[in-house]
Amino acid sequence: MAKGTVRRLVAEALGTAFLLATVVGSGIMAESLAGGNTALALLANSLATGAILVVLILVLGPVSGAHFNPAVTLCFLIRREISTSHAILYWLVQITAGLAGVMVAHVMFSEPMFSASTTSRTGIHQWTGEFVATFGLIAAILGTIRYRPRATPWAVGLVIMAGYWYTSSTSFANPAVTIARGFTDTFSGIVPLHVPAFVLAQLVAAVVATRVFAWLLAEGEK
């Protein structure tokens, strides 16, 4: 495997692991300090997640593109900006690193290494929320890389932060994150049996958003 490919995969692994450690770790910390105030806990969780996304994309974007998300990788595969073989490697690394990030968060907060979540997140309203959240994420990425590439890290952090609040699902918008969050019985968890429907909604949204913005941002058309 070429050194450049290895660097990209390591960057994806580090970024996805840090993202999950932040999502889960800040959820545990927020819940423990919020005194039962769920809104306050969600606010803290969303701020930490948005902030770490900005930092990770700024640091690792030049190396791997800072996908940290199989839905984003699927988008760039459809756009033919990443090969099928590299996309598969990205997906494997993202999912594995996501689980590692959950494990690290659990170690930091003296939780069991892995624990199946008991937090129910299912139903058409939540699946719709995941579709909307993922569509919004892809829209933010494609719009900014076309017109304002330096704003992409900030747009991604902000759209996920906002999604915590305006979507019924609290904006997972990431299959690797969703899978990993099935293994934490903490504030940010999701019952493992509810994971597949979330992932399906996210992937469908990624395909639809990619196609819509290929037309919307088409060059040379009036």
N, C-alpha and C. Protein backbone atom coordinates (compact mmCIF):
# COMPACT_ATOMS: atom_id res chain seq x y z
N MET A 1 0.85 -1.20 0.00
CA MET A 1 0.00 0.00 0.00
C MET A 1 0.88 1.24 0.00
N ALA A 2 0.55 2.20 -0.85
CA ALA A 2 1.35 3.42 -0.97
C ALA A 2 1.33 4.21 0.34
N LYS A 3 2.46 4.92 0.59
CA LYS A 3 2.56 5.70 1.82
C LYS A 3 1.48 6.77 1.91
N GLY A 4 1.14 7.37 0.77
CA GLY A 4 0.10 8.38 0.79
C GLY A 4 -1.24 7.82 1.21
N THR A 5 -1.54 6.60 0.75
CA THR A 5 -2.80 5.96 1.13
C THR A 5 -2.81 5.65 2.62
N VAL A 6 -1.69 5.17 3.13
CA VAL A 6 -1.60 4.87 4.56
C VAL A 6 -1.83 6.13 5.38
N ARG A 7 -1.22 7.23 4.97
CA ARG A 7 -1.40 8.50 5.69
C ARG A 7 -2.87 8.91 5.69
N ARG A 8 -3.51 8.77 4.55
CA ARG A 8 -4.94 9.14 4.47
C ARG A 8 -5.79 8.28 5.40
N LEU A 9 -5.50 6.99 5.44
CA LEU A 9 -6.27 6.09 6.29
C LEU A 9 -6.02 6.37 7.77
N VAL A 10 -4.78 6.67 8.12
CA VAL A 10 -4.48 7.02 9.52
C VAL A 10 -5.19 8.31 9.90
N ALA A 11 -5.21 9.27 8.98
CA ALA A 11 -5.91 10.53 9.26
C ALA A 11 -7.41 10.29 9.46
N GLU A 12 -8.00 9.44 8.63
CA GLU A 12 -9.42 9.11 8.78
C GLU A 12 -9.67 8.40 10.11
N ALA A 13 -8.75 7.52 10.48
CA ALA A 13 -8.91 6.79 11.74
C ALA A 13 -8.82 7.74 12.93
N LEU A 14 -7.82 8.61 12.94
CA LEU A 14 -7.66 9.55 14.04
C LEU A 14 -8.87 10.48 14.15
N GLY A 15 -9.28 11.00 13.01
CA GLY A 15 -10.40 11.94 13.02
C GLY A 15 -11.70 11.31 13.49
N THR A 16 -11.99 10.10 12.99
CA THR A 16 -13.24 9.45 13.38
C THR A 16 -13.21 9.03 14.84
N ALA A 17 -12.07 8.55 15.30
CA ALA A 17 -11.95 8.15 16.71
C ALA A 17 -12.11 9.36 17.63
N PHE A 18 -11.46 10.48 17.30
CA PHE A 18 -11.61 11.69 18.11
C PHE A 18 -13.04 12.19 18.09
N LEU A 19 -13.69 12.09 16.92
CA LEU A 19 -15.08 12.53 16.83
C LEU A 19 -15.97 11.73 17.77
N LEU A 20 -15.83 10.41 17.76
CA LEU A 20 -16.67 9.58 18.64
C LEU A 20 -16.31 9.75 20.10
N ALA A 21 -15.02 9.89 20.40
CA ALA A 21 -14.63 10.13 21.79
C ALA A 21 -15.26 11.42 22.30
N THR A 22 -15.36 12.42 21.41
CA THR A 22 -15.97 13.69 21.79
C THR A 22 -17.48 13.57 21.95
N VAL A 23 -18.13 12.94 20.99
CA VAL A 23 -19.58 12.78 21.05
C VAL A 23 -19.99 12.04 22.33
N VAL A 24 -19.35 10.91 22.56
CA VAL A 24 -19.72 10.08 23.72
C VAL A 24 -19.20 10.69 25.02
N GLY A 25 -17.95 11.12 25.02
CA GLY A 25 -17.37 11.69 26.24
C GLY A 25 -18.08 12.94 26.70
N SER A 26 -18.38 13.85 25.76
CA SER A 26 -19.07 15.08 26.15
C SER A 26 -20.50 14.78 26.57
N GLY A 27 -21.10 13.73 26.00
CA GLY A 27 -22.43 13.33 26.43
C GLY A 27 -22.45 12.84 27.86
N ILE A 28 -21.44 12.05 28.21
CA ILE A 28 -21.33 11.55 29.59
C ILE A 28 -21.09 12.70 30.56
N MET A 29 -20.15 13.57 30.20
CA MET A 29 -19.83 14.71 31.07
C MET A 29 -21.02 15.64 31.21
N ALA A 30 -21.68 15.93 30.09
CA ALA A 30 -22.83 16.85 30.13
C ALA A 30 -23.95 16.30 30.99
N GLU A 31 -24.24 15.02 30.84
CA GLU A 31 -25.33 14.42 31.62
C GLU A 31 -25.00 14.44 33.11
N SER A 32 -23.73 14.22 33.44
CA SER A 32 -23.35 14.17 34.86
C SER A 32 -23.38 15.55 35.51
N LEU A 33 -23.20 16.61 34.71
CA LEU A 33 -23.14 17.96 35.27
C LEU A 33 -24.43 18.75 35.12
N ALA A 34 -25.35 18.26 34.27
CA ALA A 34 -26.55 19.04 33.96
C ALA A 34 -27.64 18.93 35.00
N GLY A 35 -27.48 18.06 35.96
CA GLY A 35 -28.46 17.96 37.03
C GLY A 35 -29.85 17.57 36.56
N GLY A 36 -29.90 16.72 35.54
CA GLY A 36 -31.19 16.28 35.03
C GLY A 36 -31.80 17.19 33.99
N ASN A 37 -31.14 18.28 33.65
CA ASN A 37 -31.63 19.20 32.62
C ASN A 37 -31.17 18.69 31.26
N THR A 38 -32.05 17.99 30.54
CA THR A 38 -31.69 17.38 29.27
C THR A 38 -31.31 18.41 28.22
N ALA A 39 -32.00 19.53 28.21
CA ALA A 39 -31.69 20.58 27.23
C ALA A 39 -30.27 21.11 27.43
N LEU A 40 -29.87 21.30 28.68
CA LEU A 40 -28.52 21.78 28.96
C LEU A 40 -27.49 20.73 28.55
N ALA A 41 -27.79 19.48 28.82
CA ALA A 41 -26.87 18.41 28.44
C ALA A 41 -26.72 18.35 26.92
N LEU A 42 -27.83 18.48 26.20
CA LEU A 42 -27.78 18.44 24.74
C LEU A 42 -27.01 19.64 24.19
N LEU A 43 -27.17 20.80 24.82
CA LEU A 43 -26.43 21.98 24.40
C LEU A 43 -24.92 21.75 24.52
N ALA A 44 -24.50 21.24 25.65
CA ALA A 44 -23.07 20.97 25.85
C ALA A 44 -22.57 19.94 24.85
N ASN A 45 -23.35 18.89 24.63
CA ASN A 45 -22.98 17.82 23.69
C ASN A 45 -22.84 18.38 22.27
N SER A 46 -23.78 19.23 21.88
CA SER A 46 -23.74 19.78 20.52
C SER A 46 -22.58 20.75 20.34
N LEU A 47 -22.30 21.57 21.33
CA LEU A 47 -21.18 22.51 21.23
C LEU A 47 -19.85 21.79 21.10
N ALA A 48 -19.67 20.74 21.90
CA ALA A 48 -18.42 19.98 21.84
C ALA A 48 -18.26 19.28 20.50
N THR A 49 -19.35 18.72 19.99
CA THR A 49 -19.28 18.01 18.71
C THR A 49 -18.98 18.96 17.56
N GLY A 50 -19.68 20.09 17.52
CA GLY A 50 -19.41 21.07 16.47
C GLY A 50 -17.99 21.60 16.52
N ALA A 51 -17.51 21.86 17.71
CA ALA A 51 -16.16 22.41 17.87
C ALA A 51 -15.09 21.43 17.41
N ILE A 52 -15.23 20.16 17.81
CA ILE A 52 -14.20 19.19 17.43
C ILE A 52 -14.20 18.93 15.93
N LEU A 53 -15.37 19.00 15.30
CA LEU A 53 -15.43 18.81 13.85
C LEU A 53 -14.65 19.91 13.13
N VAL A 54 -14.80 21.15 13.57
CA VAL A 54 -14.05 22.25 12.95
C VAL A 54 -12.55 21.99 13.07
N VAL A 55 -12.11 21.65 14.27
CA VAL A 55 -10.68 21.42 14.51
C VAL A 55 -10.16 20.25 13.68
N LEU A 56 -10.88 19.14 13.69
CA LEU A 56 -10.42 17.95 12.98
C LEU A 56 -10.33 18.17 11.48
N ILE A 57 -11.30 18.89 10.93
CA ILE A 57 -11.28 19.15 9.48
C ILE A 57 -10.14 20.10 9.13
N LEU A 58 -9.91 21.11 9.96
CA LEU A 58 -8.80 22.03 9.72
C LEU A 58 -7.46 21.30 9.76
N VAL A 59 -7.31 20.38 10.71
CA VAL A 59 -6.03 19.69 10.89
C VAL A 59 -5.83 18.57 9.87
N LEU A 60 -6.85 17.76 9.66
CA LEU A 60 -6.70 16.54 8.86
C LEU A 60 -7.25 16.62 7.45
N GLY A 61 -8.01 17.69 7.18
CA GLY A 61 -8.56 17.85 5.84
C GLY A 61 -7.51 17.81 4.73
N PRO A 62 -6.36 18.48 4.91
CA PRO A 62 -5.35 18.45 3.86
C PRO A 62 -4.75 17.06 3.63
N VAL A 63 -4.90 16.16 4.58
CA VAL A 63 -4.32 14.82 4.45
C VAL A 63 -5.28 13.85 3.76
N SER A 64 -6.50 13.74 4.31
CA SER A 64 -7.42 12.72 3.82
C SER A 64 -8.70 13.27 3.21
N GLY A 65 -8.89 14.57 3.31
CA GLY A 65 -10.18 15.14 2.93
C GLY A 65 -11.13 15.24 4.10
N ALA A 66 -10.74 14.64 5.23
CA ALA A 66 -11.50 14.71 6.48
C ALA A 66 -12.96 14.30 6.30
N HIS A 67 -13.16 13.10 5.78
CA HIS A 67 -14.53 12.59 5.64
C HIS A 67 -15.09 12.21 7.00
N PHE A 68 -14.43 11.28 7.69
CA PHE A 68 -14.85 10.77 9.01
C PHE A 68 -16.29 10.26 8.98
N ASN A 69 -16.78 9.90 7.82
CA ASN A 69 -18.20 9.64 7.66
C ASN A 69 -18.43 8.84 6.37
N PRO A 70 -18.93 7.62 6.45
CA PRO A 70 -19.18 6.84 5.24
C PRO A 70 -20.13 7.50 4.26
N ALA A 71 -21.07 8.31 4.75
CA ALA A 71 -22.00 8.99 3.85
C ALA A 71 -21.26 10.05 3.02
N VAL A 72 -20.30 10.73 3.63
CA VAL A 72 -19.50 11.72 2.91
C VAL A 72 -18.61 11.01 1.89
N THR A 73 -18.02 9.89 2.28
CA THR A 73 -17.20 9.12 1.35
C THR A 73 -18.05 8.64 0.17
N LEU A 74 -19.28 8.20 0.43
CA LEU A 74 -20.18 7.79 -0.64
C LEU A 74 -20.44 8.94 -1.59
N CYS A 75 -20.63 10.13 -1.06
CA CYS A 75 -20.84 11.32 -1.89
C CYS A 75 -19.68 11.52 -2.85
N PHE A 76 -18.45 11.44 -2.34
CA PHE A 76 -17.29 11.67 -3.20
C PHE A 76 -17.02 10.50 -4.13
N LEU A 77 -17.49 9.32 -3.76
CA LEU A 77 -17.41 8.18 -4.67
C LEU A 77 -18.35 8.40 -5.86
N ILE A 78 -19.56 8.85 -5.59
CA ILE A 78 -20.52 9.15 -6.66
C ILE A 78 -19.96 10.23 -7.58
N ARG A 79 -19.27 11.21 -6.99
CA ARG A 79 -18.68 12.30 -7.77
C ARG A 79 -17.37 11.88 -8.46
N ARG A 80 -16.96 10.66 -8.24
CA ARG A 80 -15.74 10.10 -8.84
C ARG A 80 -14.49 10.85 -8.41
N GLU A 81 -14.51 11.31 -7.16
CA GLU A 81 -13.35 11.99 -6.61
C GLU A 81 -12.57 11.09 -5.67
N ILE A 82 -13.03 9.85 -5.51
CA ILE A 82 -12.32 8.82 -4.76
C ILE A 82 -12.61 7.50 -5.45
N SER A 83 -11.63 6.62 -5.50
CA SER A 83 -11.84 5.33 -6.17
C SER A 83 -12.66 4.40 -5.29
N THR A 84 -13.23 3.37 -5.91
CA THR A 84 -14.02 2.40 -5.15
C THR A 84 -13.16 1.70 -4.10
N SER A 85 -11.94 1.32 -4.47
CA SER A 85 -11.07 0.61 -3.51
C SER A 85 -10.73 1.50 -2.32
N HIS A 86 -10.45 2.77 -2.58
CA HIS A 86 -10.14 3.69 -1.48
C HIS A 86 -11.37 3.97 -0.63
N ALA A 87 -12.53 4.05 -1.27
CA ALA A 87 -13.76 4.28 -0.52
C ALA A 87 -14.03 3.13 0.44
N ILE A 88 -13.82 1.91 -0.02
CA ILE A 88 -14.03 0.74 0.85
C ILE A 88 -13.07 0.78 2.03
N LEU A 89 -11.82 1.13 1.78
CA LEU A 89 -10.85 1.25 2.87
C LEU A 89 -11.26 2.35 3.85
N TYR A 90 -11.73 3.47 3.33
CA TYR A 90 -12.21 4.55 4.19
C TYR A 90 -13.35 4.06 5.08
N TRP A 91 -14.31 3.35 4.49
CA TRP A 91 -15.46 2.86 5.25
C TRP A 91 -15.03 1.93 6.38
N LEU A 92 -14.12 1.00 6.06
CA LEU A 92 -13.66 0.06 7.08
C LEU A 92 -12.95 0.79 8.21
N VAL A 93 -12.10 1.73 7.86
CA VAL A 93 -11.35 2.48 8.87
C VAL A 93 -12.29 3.35 9.70
N GLN A 94 -13.23 4.01 9.07
CA GLN A 94 -14.17 4.89 9.79
C GLN A 94 -14.99 4.11 10.82
N ILE A 95 -15.50 2.96 10.42
CA ILE A 95 -16.33 2.16 11.34
C ILE A 95 -15.49 1.62 12.49
N THR A 96 -14.31 1.10 12.16
CA THR A 96 -13.43 0.55 13.20
C THR A 96 -12.97 1.64 14.17
N ALA A 97 -12.57 2.78 13.62
CA ALA A 97 -12.09 3.88 14.46
C ALA A 97 -13.21 4.45 15.31
N GLY A 98 -14.43 4.46 14.78
CA GLY A 98 -15.56 4.93 15.57
C GLY A 98 -15.76 4.09 16.82
N LEU A 99 -15.66 2.79 16.68
CA LEU A 99 -15.76 1.90 17.83
C LEU A 99 -14.62 2.14 18.81
N ALA A 100 -13.42 2.39 18.27
CA ALA A 100 -12.28 2.68 19.14
C ALA A 100 -12.50 3.97 19.92
N GLY A 101 -13.11 4.97 19.27
CA GLY A 101 -13.38 6.22 19.95
C GLY A 101 -14.36 6.05 21.11
N VAL A 102 -15.37 5.20 20.92
CA VAL A 102 -16.31 4.90 22.00
C VAL A 102 -15.58 4.23 23.16
N MET A 103 -14.72 3.30 22.84
CA MET A 103 -13.96 2.60 23.87
C MET A 103 -13.10 3.58 24.68
N VAL A 104 -12.45 4.49 23.99
CA VAL A 104 -11.61 5.48 24.69
C VAL A 104 -12.46 6.35 25.61
N ALA A 105 -13.61 6.80 25.12
CA ALA A 105 -14.49 7.61 25.96
C ALA A 105 -14.92 6.85 27.20
N HIS A 106 -15.24 5.58 27.03
CA HIS A 106 -15.66 4.76 28.17
C HIS A 106 -14.54 4.60 29.18
N VAL A 107 -13.33 4.40 28.69
CA VAL A 107 -12.18 4.27 29.60
C VAL A 107 -11.98 5.56 30.38
N MET A 108 -12.10 6.71 29.69
CA MET A 108 -11.90 7.99 30.37
C MET A 108 -12.91 8.22 31.49
N PHE A 109 -14.12 7.72 31.31
CA PHE A 109 -15.19 7.98 32.29
C PHE A 109 -15.57 6.74 33.09
N SER A 110 -14.68 5.75 33.13
CA SER A 110 -14.86 4.55 33.95
C SER A 110 -16.17 3.82 33.64
N GLU A 111 -16.51 3.77 32.36
CA GLU A 111 -17.66 3.01 31.90
C GLU A 111 -17.17 1.64 31.40
N PRO A 112 -18.07 0.66 31.29
CA PRO A 112 -17.68 -0.61 30.67
C PRO A 112 -17.13 -0.35 29.27
N MET A 113 -16.18 -1.17 28.84
CA MET A 113 -15.53 -0.94 27.55
C MET A 113 -16.55 -0.74 26.42
N PHE A 114 -17.51 -1.64 26.33
CA PHE A 114 -18.63 -1.51 25.40
C PHE A 114 -19.89 -1.94 26.13
N SER A 115 -21.00 -1.28 25.86
CA SER A 115 -22.27 -1.67 26.45
C SER A 115 -23.38 -1.32 25.47
N ALA A 116 -24.22 -2.28 25.13
CA ALA A 116 -25.30 -2.05 24.18
C ALA A 116 -26.24 -0.98 24.72
N SER A 117 -26.57 -0.02 23.87
CA SER A 117 -27.43 1.08 24.29
C SER A 117 -28.86 0.60 24.52
N THR A 118 -29.54 1.27 25.43
CA THR A 118 -30.96 1.00 25.68
C THR A 118 -31.82 2.22 25.32
N THR A 119 -31.21 3.20 24.64
CA THR A 119 -31.93 4.42 24.26
C THR A 119 -32.64 4.20 22.93
N SER A 120 -33.97 4.22 22.96
CA SER A 120 -34.76 3.97 21.76
C SER A 120 -34.75 5.19 20.84
N ARG A 121 -34.40 4.98 19.59
CA ARG A 121 -34.44 6.04 18.58
C ARG A 121 -34.96 5.39 17.29
N THR A 122 -36.25 5.44 17.08
CA THR A 122 -36.83 4.78 15.92
C THR A 122 -38.13 5.46 15.52
N GLY A 123 -38.64 5.10 14.36
CA GLY A 123 -39.89 5.66 13.86
C GLY A 123 -39.68 6.59 12.69
N ILE A 124 -40.72 6.78 11.91
CA ILE A 124 -40.63 7.60 10.69
C ILE A 124 -40.16 9.02 10.99
N HIS A 125 -40.53 9.55 12.15
CA HIS A 125 -40.12 10.92 12.48
C HIS A 125 -38.61 11.00 12.67
N GLN A 126 -38.02 10.00 13.30
CA GLN A 126 -36.56 10.02 13.51
C GLN A 126 -35.82 9.69 12.22
N TRP A 127 -36.36 8.78 11.42
CA TRP A 127 -35.72 8.46 10.14
C TRP A 127 -35.74 9.68 9.21
N THR A 128 -36.85 10.40 9.25
CA THR A 128 -36.92 11.63 8.47
C THR A 128 -35.90 12.65 8.98
N GLY A 129 -35.76 12.72 10.29
CA GLY A 129 -34.75 13.60 10.87
C GLY A 129 -33.36 13.27 10.39
N GLU A 130 -33.04 11.98 10.29
CA GLU A 130 -31.72 11.58 9.81
C GLU A 130 -31.52 11.89 8.33
N PHE A 131 -32.60 11.72 7.56
CA PHE A 131 -32.51 12.09 6.14
C PHE A 131 -32.22 13.58 6.00
N VAL A 132 -32.97 14.39 6.72
CA VAL A 132 -32.81 15.85 6.65
C VAL A 132 -31.41 16.27 7.14
N ALA A 133 -30.98 15.68 8.25
CA ALA A 133 -29.67 16.04 8.81
C ALA A 133 -28.54 15.70 7.85
N THR A 134 -28.60 14.52 7.24
CA THR A 134 -27.53 14.09 6.32
C THR A 134 -27.58 14.89 5.03
N PHE A 135 -28.78 15.16 4.53
CA PHE A 135 -28.92 16.00 3.34
C PHE A 135 -28.29 17.37 3.61
N GLY A 136 -28.58 17.94 4.77
CA GLY A 136 -28.03 19.25 5.12
C GLY A 136 -26.52 19.23 5.22
N LEU A 137 -25.97 18.14 5.77
CA LEU A 137 -24.51 18.03 5.88
C LEU A 137 -23.86 17.98 4.50
N ILE A 138 -24.38 17.14 3.61
CA ILE A 138 -23.82 17.04 2.27
C ILE A 138 -23.96 18.36 1.52
N ALA A 139 -25.10 19.02 1.71
CA ALA A 139 -25.31 20.32 1.08
C ALA A 139 -24.27 21.33 1.55
N ALA A 140 -24.00 21.35 2.85
CA ALA A 140 -23.01 22.27 3.40
C ALA A 140 -21.62 22.00 2.82
N ILE A 141 -21.28 20.73 2.70
CA ILE A 141 -19.95 20.37 2.17
C ILE A 141 -19.84 20.75 0.70
N LEU A 142 -20.80 20.32 -0.11
CA LEU A 142 -20.70 20.55 -1.55
C LEU A 142 -20.80 22.04 -1.90
N GLY A 143 -21.66 22.76 -1.19
CA GLY A 143 -21.78 24.18 -1.46
C GLY A 143 -20.53 24.96 -1.12
N THR A 144 -19.93 24.64 0.01
CA THR A 144 -18.74 25.41 0.42
C THR A 144 -17.50 25.02 -0.36
N ILE A 145 -17.32 23.73 -0.68
CA ILE A 145 -16.11 23.37 -1.43
C ILE A 145 -16.15 23.95 -2.85
N ARG A 146 -17.35 24.23 -3.33
CA ARG A 146 -17.48 24.84 -4.67
C ARG A 146 -17.18 26.34 -4.61
N TYR A 147 -17.75 27.04 -3.63
CA TYR A 147 -17.68 28.50 -3.61
C TYR A 147 -16.78 29.09 -2.51
N ARG A 148 -16.73 28.44 -1.35
CA ARG A 148 -15.94 28.97 -0.23
C ARG A 148 -15.24 27.82 0.49
N PRO A 149 -14.25 27.20 -0.11
CA PRO A 149 -13.62 26.01 0.48
C PRO A 149 -13.02 26.25 1.86
N ARG A 150 -12.55 27.47 2.14
CA ARG A 150 -11.98 27.74 3.46
C ARG A 150 -13.05 27.73 4.56
N ALA A 151 -14.30 27.86 4.16
CA ALA A 151 -15.39 27.87 5.13
C ALA A 151 -15.92 26.48 5.43
N THR A 152 -15.46 25.47 4.71
CA THR A 152 -16.02 24.13 4.88
C THR A 152 -15.95 23.61 6.31
N PRO A 153 -14.81 23.70 7.01
CA PRO A 153 -14.77 23.19 8.38
C PRO A 153 -15.82 23.84 9.28
N TRP A 154 -15.98 25.15 9.14
CA TRP A 154 -16.93 25.88 9.97
C TRP A 154 -18.37 25.51 9.60
N ALA A 155 -18.62 25.36 8.31
CA ALA A 155 -19.97 25.00 7.87
C ALA A 155 -20.37 23.62 8.37
N VAL A 156 -19.43 22.68 8.34
CA VAL A 156 -19.73 21.33 8.81
C VAL A 156 -20.00 21.33 10.31
N GLY A 157 -19.14 22.00 11.08
CA GLY A 157 -19.34 22.07 12.52
C GLY A 157 -20.67 22.71 12.87
N LEU A 158 -21.02 23.79 12.16
CA LEU A 158 -22.25 24.51 12.46
C LEU A 158 -23.49 23.73 12.05
N VAL A 159 -23.44 23.04 10.90
CA VAL A 159 -24.63 22.32 10.45
C VAL A 159 -24.92 21.13 11.36
N ILE A 160 -23.88 20.50 11.88
CA ILE A 160 -24.10 19.40 12.82
C ILE A 160 -24.58 19.94 14.17
N MET A 161 -23.99 21.04 14.61
CA MET A 161 -24.43 21.65 15.86
C MET A 161 -25.90 22.05 15.79
N ALA A 162 -26.29 22.67 14.69
CA ALA A 162 -27.69 23.05 14.51
C ALA A 162 -28.59 21.83 14.43
N GLY A 163 -28.10 20.77 13.78
CA GLY A 163 -28.90 19.56 13.61
C GLY A 163 -29.25 18.88 14.92
N TYR A 164 -28.41 19.04 15.93
CA TYR A 164 -28.73 18.51 17.25
C TYR A 164 -30.07 19.07 17.74
N TRP A 165 -30.39 20.28 17.27
CA TRP A 165 -31.55 20.99 17.80
C TRP A 165 -32.75 21.02 16.88
N TYR A 166 -32.53 21.06 15.58
CA TYR A 166 -33.70 21.21 14.71
C TYR A 166 -34.20 19.89 14.12
N THR A 167 -33.45 18.78 14.33
CA THR A 167 -33.94 17.50 13.84
C THR A 167 -34.43 16.64 15.00
N SER A 168 -35.42 15.81 14.71
CA SER A 168 -36.01 14.94 15.74
C SER A 168 -35.05 13.87 16.22
N SER A 169 -34.04 13.55 15.40
CA SER A 169 -33.09 12.48 15.72
C SER A 169 -31.84 12.98 16.42
N THR A 170 -31.70 14.28 16.56
CA THR A 170 -30.50 14.98 17.05
C THR A 170 -29.29 14.79 16.15
N SER A 171 -29.55 14.56 14.87
CA SER A 171 -28.53 14.67 13.82
C SER A 171 -27.30 13.78 14.01
N PHE A 172 -27.47 12.48 13.88
CA PHE A 172 -26.31 11.60 13.81
C PHE A 172 -25.59 11.85 12.48
N ALA A 173 -26.34 11.74 11.37
CA ALA A 173 -25.87 12.10 10.02
C ALA A 173 -24.57 11.41 9.61
N ASN A 174 -24.31 10.22 10.14
CA ASN A 174 -23.03 9.56 9.92
C ASN A 174 -23.16 8.07 10.27
N PRO A 175 -23.08 7.17 9.29
CA PRO A 175 -23.22 5.74 9.59
C PRO A 175 -22.18 5.21 10.59
N ALA A 176 -20.94 5.67 10.52
CA ALA A 176 -19.91 5.20 11.45
C ALA A 176 -20.24 5.64 12.87
N VAL A 177 -20.70 6.88 13.00
CA VAL A 177 -21.10 7.40 14.31
C VAL A 177 -22.30 6.62 14.83
N THR A 178 -23.25 6.35 13.97
CA THR A 178 -24.46 5.63 14.37
C THR A 178 -24.14 4.23 14.86
N ILE A 179 -23.32 3.51 14.10
CA ILE A 179 -22.93 2.15 14.51
C ILE A 179 -22.22 2.17 15.86
N ALA A 180 -21.27 3.08 16.00
CA ALA A 180 -20.50 3.16 17.24
C ALA A 180 -21.38 3.51 18.43
N ARG A 181 -22.35 4.41 18.22
CA ARG A 181 -23.20 4.83 19.32
C ARG A 181 -24.18 3.73 19.76
N GLY A 182 -24.27 2.66 18.99
CA GLY A 182 -25.04 1.51 19.43
C GLY A 182 -24.37 0.76 20.56
N PHE A 183 -23.08 1.06 20.79
CA PHE A 183 -22.30 0.33 21.79
C PHE A 183 -21.97 1.18 23.01
N THR A 184 -22.78 2.21 23.25
CA THR A 184 -22.61 3.00 24.46
C THR A 184 -23.97 3.22 25.11
N ASP A 185 -24.13 2.71 26.30
CA ASP A 185 -25.40 2.90 27.01
C ASP A 185 -25.30 4.16 27.86
N THR A 186 -25.05 5.27 27.16
CA THR A 186 -24.91 6.57 27.82
C THR A 186 -25.80 7.58 27.10
N PHE A 187 -25.62 8.85 27.39
CA PHE A 187 -26.47 9.92 26.86
C PHE A 187 -26.62 9.87 25.35
N SER A 188 -25.57 9.50 24.63
CA SER A 188 -25.57 9.59 23.17
C SER A 188 -25.92 8.27 22.47
N GLY A 189 -26.34 7.26 23.21
CA GLY A 189 -26.53 5.94 22.63
C GLY A 189 -27.77 5.79 21.77
N ILE A 190 -27.83 4.66 21.06
CA ILE A 190 -28.98 4.25 20.26
C ILE A 190 -29.06 2.73 20.32
N VAL A 191 -30.25 2.20 20.53
CA VAL A 191 -30.45 0.75 20.57
C VAL A 191 -29.87 0.13 19.29
N PRO A 192 -29.00 -0.87 19.38
CA PRO A 192 -28.38 -1.46 18.18
C PRO A 192 -29.38 -1.88 17.10
N LEU A 193 -30.54 -2.39 17.49
CA LEU A 193 -31.54 -2.81 16.51
C LEU A 193 -32.11 -1.62 15.72
N HIS A 194 -31.94 -0.42 16.24
CA HIS A 194 -32.45 0.77 15.56
C HIS A 194 -31.40 1.40 14.64
N VAL A 195 -30.20 0.87 14.67
CA VAL A 195 -29.11 1.42 13.87
C VAL A 195 -29.34 1.27 12.36
N PRO A 196 -29.72 0.09 11.85
CA PRO A 196 -29.83 -0.08 10.39
C PRO A 196 -30.74 0.93 9.71
N ALA A 197 -31.88 1.24 10.30
CA ALA A 197 -32.80 2.20 9.67
C ALA A 197 -32.18 3.59 9.62
N PHE A 198 -31.46 3.98 10.67
CA PHE A 198 -30.76 5.27 10.67
C PHE A 198 -29.73 5.30 9.54
N VAL A 199 -28.95 4.24 9.43
CA VAL A 199 -27.90 4.18 8.41
C VAL A 199 -28.50 4.23 7.01
N LEU A 200 -29.59 3.51 6.80
CA LEU A 200 -30.24 3.52 5.49
C LEU A 200 -30.71 4.93 5.15
N ALA A 201 -31.34 5.62 6.09
CA ALA A 201 -31.80 6.99 5.85
C ALA A 201 -30.63 7.90 5.50
N GLN A 202 -29.52 7.73 6.20
CA GLN A 202 -28.33 8.55 5.96
C GLN A 202 -27.75 8.32 4.57
N LEU A 203 -27.65 7.06 4.16
CA LEU A 203 -27.07 6.75 2.86
C LEU A 203 -27.97 7.21 1.71
N VAL A 204 -29.27 7.02 1.87
CA VAL A 204 -30.20 7.50 0.85
C VAL A 204 -30.10 9.02 0.73
N ALA A 205 -30.04 9.70 1.86
CA ALA A 205 -29.93 11.16 1.84
C ALA A 205 -28.64 11.61 1.16
N ALA A 206 -27.55 10.88 1.40
CA ALA A 206 -26.27 11.23 0.77
C ALA A 206 -26.36 11.13 -0.75
N VAL A 207 -27.00 10.07 -1.23
CA VAL A 207 -27.16 9.89 -2.68
C VAL A 207 -28.03 11.00 -3.26
N VAL A 208 -29.17 11.25 -2.61
CA VAL A 208 -30.09 12.28 -3.11
C VAL A 208 -29.44 13.65 -3.11
N ALA A 209 -28.78 14.01 -2.01
CA ALA A 209 -28.14 15.32 -1.91
C ALA A 209 -27.04 15.49 -2.95
N THR A 210 -26.27 14.43 -3.17
CA THR A 210 -25.19 14.50 -4.17
C THR A 210 -25.76 14.75 -5.55
N ARG A 211 -26.85 14.07 -5.89
CA ARG A 211 -27.47 14.25 -7.21
C ARG A 211 -28.10 15.64 -7.33
N VAL A 212 -28.79 16.07 -6.30
CA VAL A 212 -29.44 17.39 -6.34
C VAL A 212 -28.41 18.49 -6.52
N PHE A 213 -27.30 18.40 -5.78
CA PHE A 213 -26.31 19.48 -5.85
C PHE A 213 -25.42 19.37 -7.08
N ALA A 214 -25.35 18.18 -7.69
CA ALA A 214 -24.67 18.08 -8.99
C ALA A 214 -25.42 18.91 -10.03
N TRP A 215 -26.75 18.90 -9.92
CA TRP A 215 -27.57 19.71 -10.83
C TRP A 215 -27.57 21.18 -10.41
N LEU A 216 -27.75 21.42 -9.12
CA LEU A 216 -27.88 22.79 -8.62
C LEU A 216 -26.62 23.61 -8.86
N LEU A 217 -25.47 22.97 -8.70
CA LEU A 217 -24.19 23.68 -8.82
C LEU A 217 -23.50 23.44 -10.14
N ALA A 218 -24.27 22.97 -11.12
CA ALA A 218 -23.68 22.64 -12.43
C ALA A 218 -23.01 23.86 -13.05
N GLU A 219 -21.80 23.65 -13.55
CA GLU A 219 -21.05 24.76 -14.18
C GLU A 219 -21.50 24.95 -15.63
N GLY A 220 -21.42 26.17 -16.07
CA GLY A 220 -21.66 26.46 -17.47
C GLY A 220 -23.11 26.40 -17.90
N GLU A 221 -24.04 26.33 -16.95
CA GLU A 221 -25.46 26.28 -17.29
C GLU A 221 -26.17 27.52 -16.77
N LYS A 222 -27.15 28.00 -17.51
CA LYS A 222 -27.92 29.17 -17.10
C LYS A 222 -29.39 28.82 -17.02
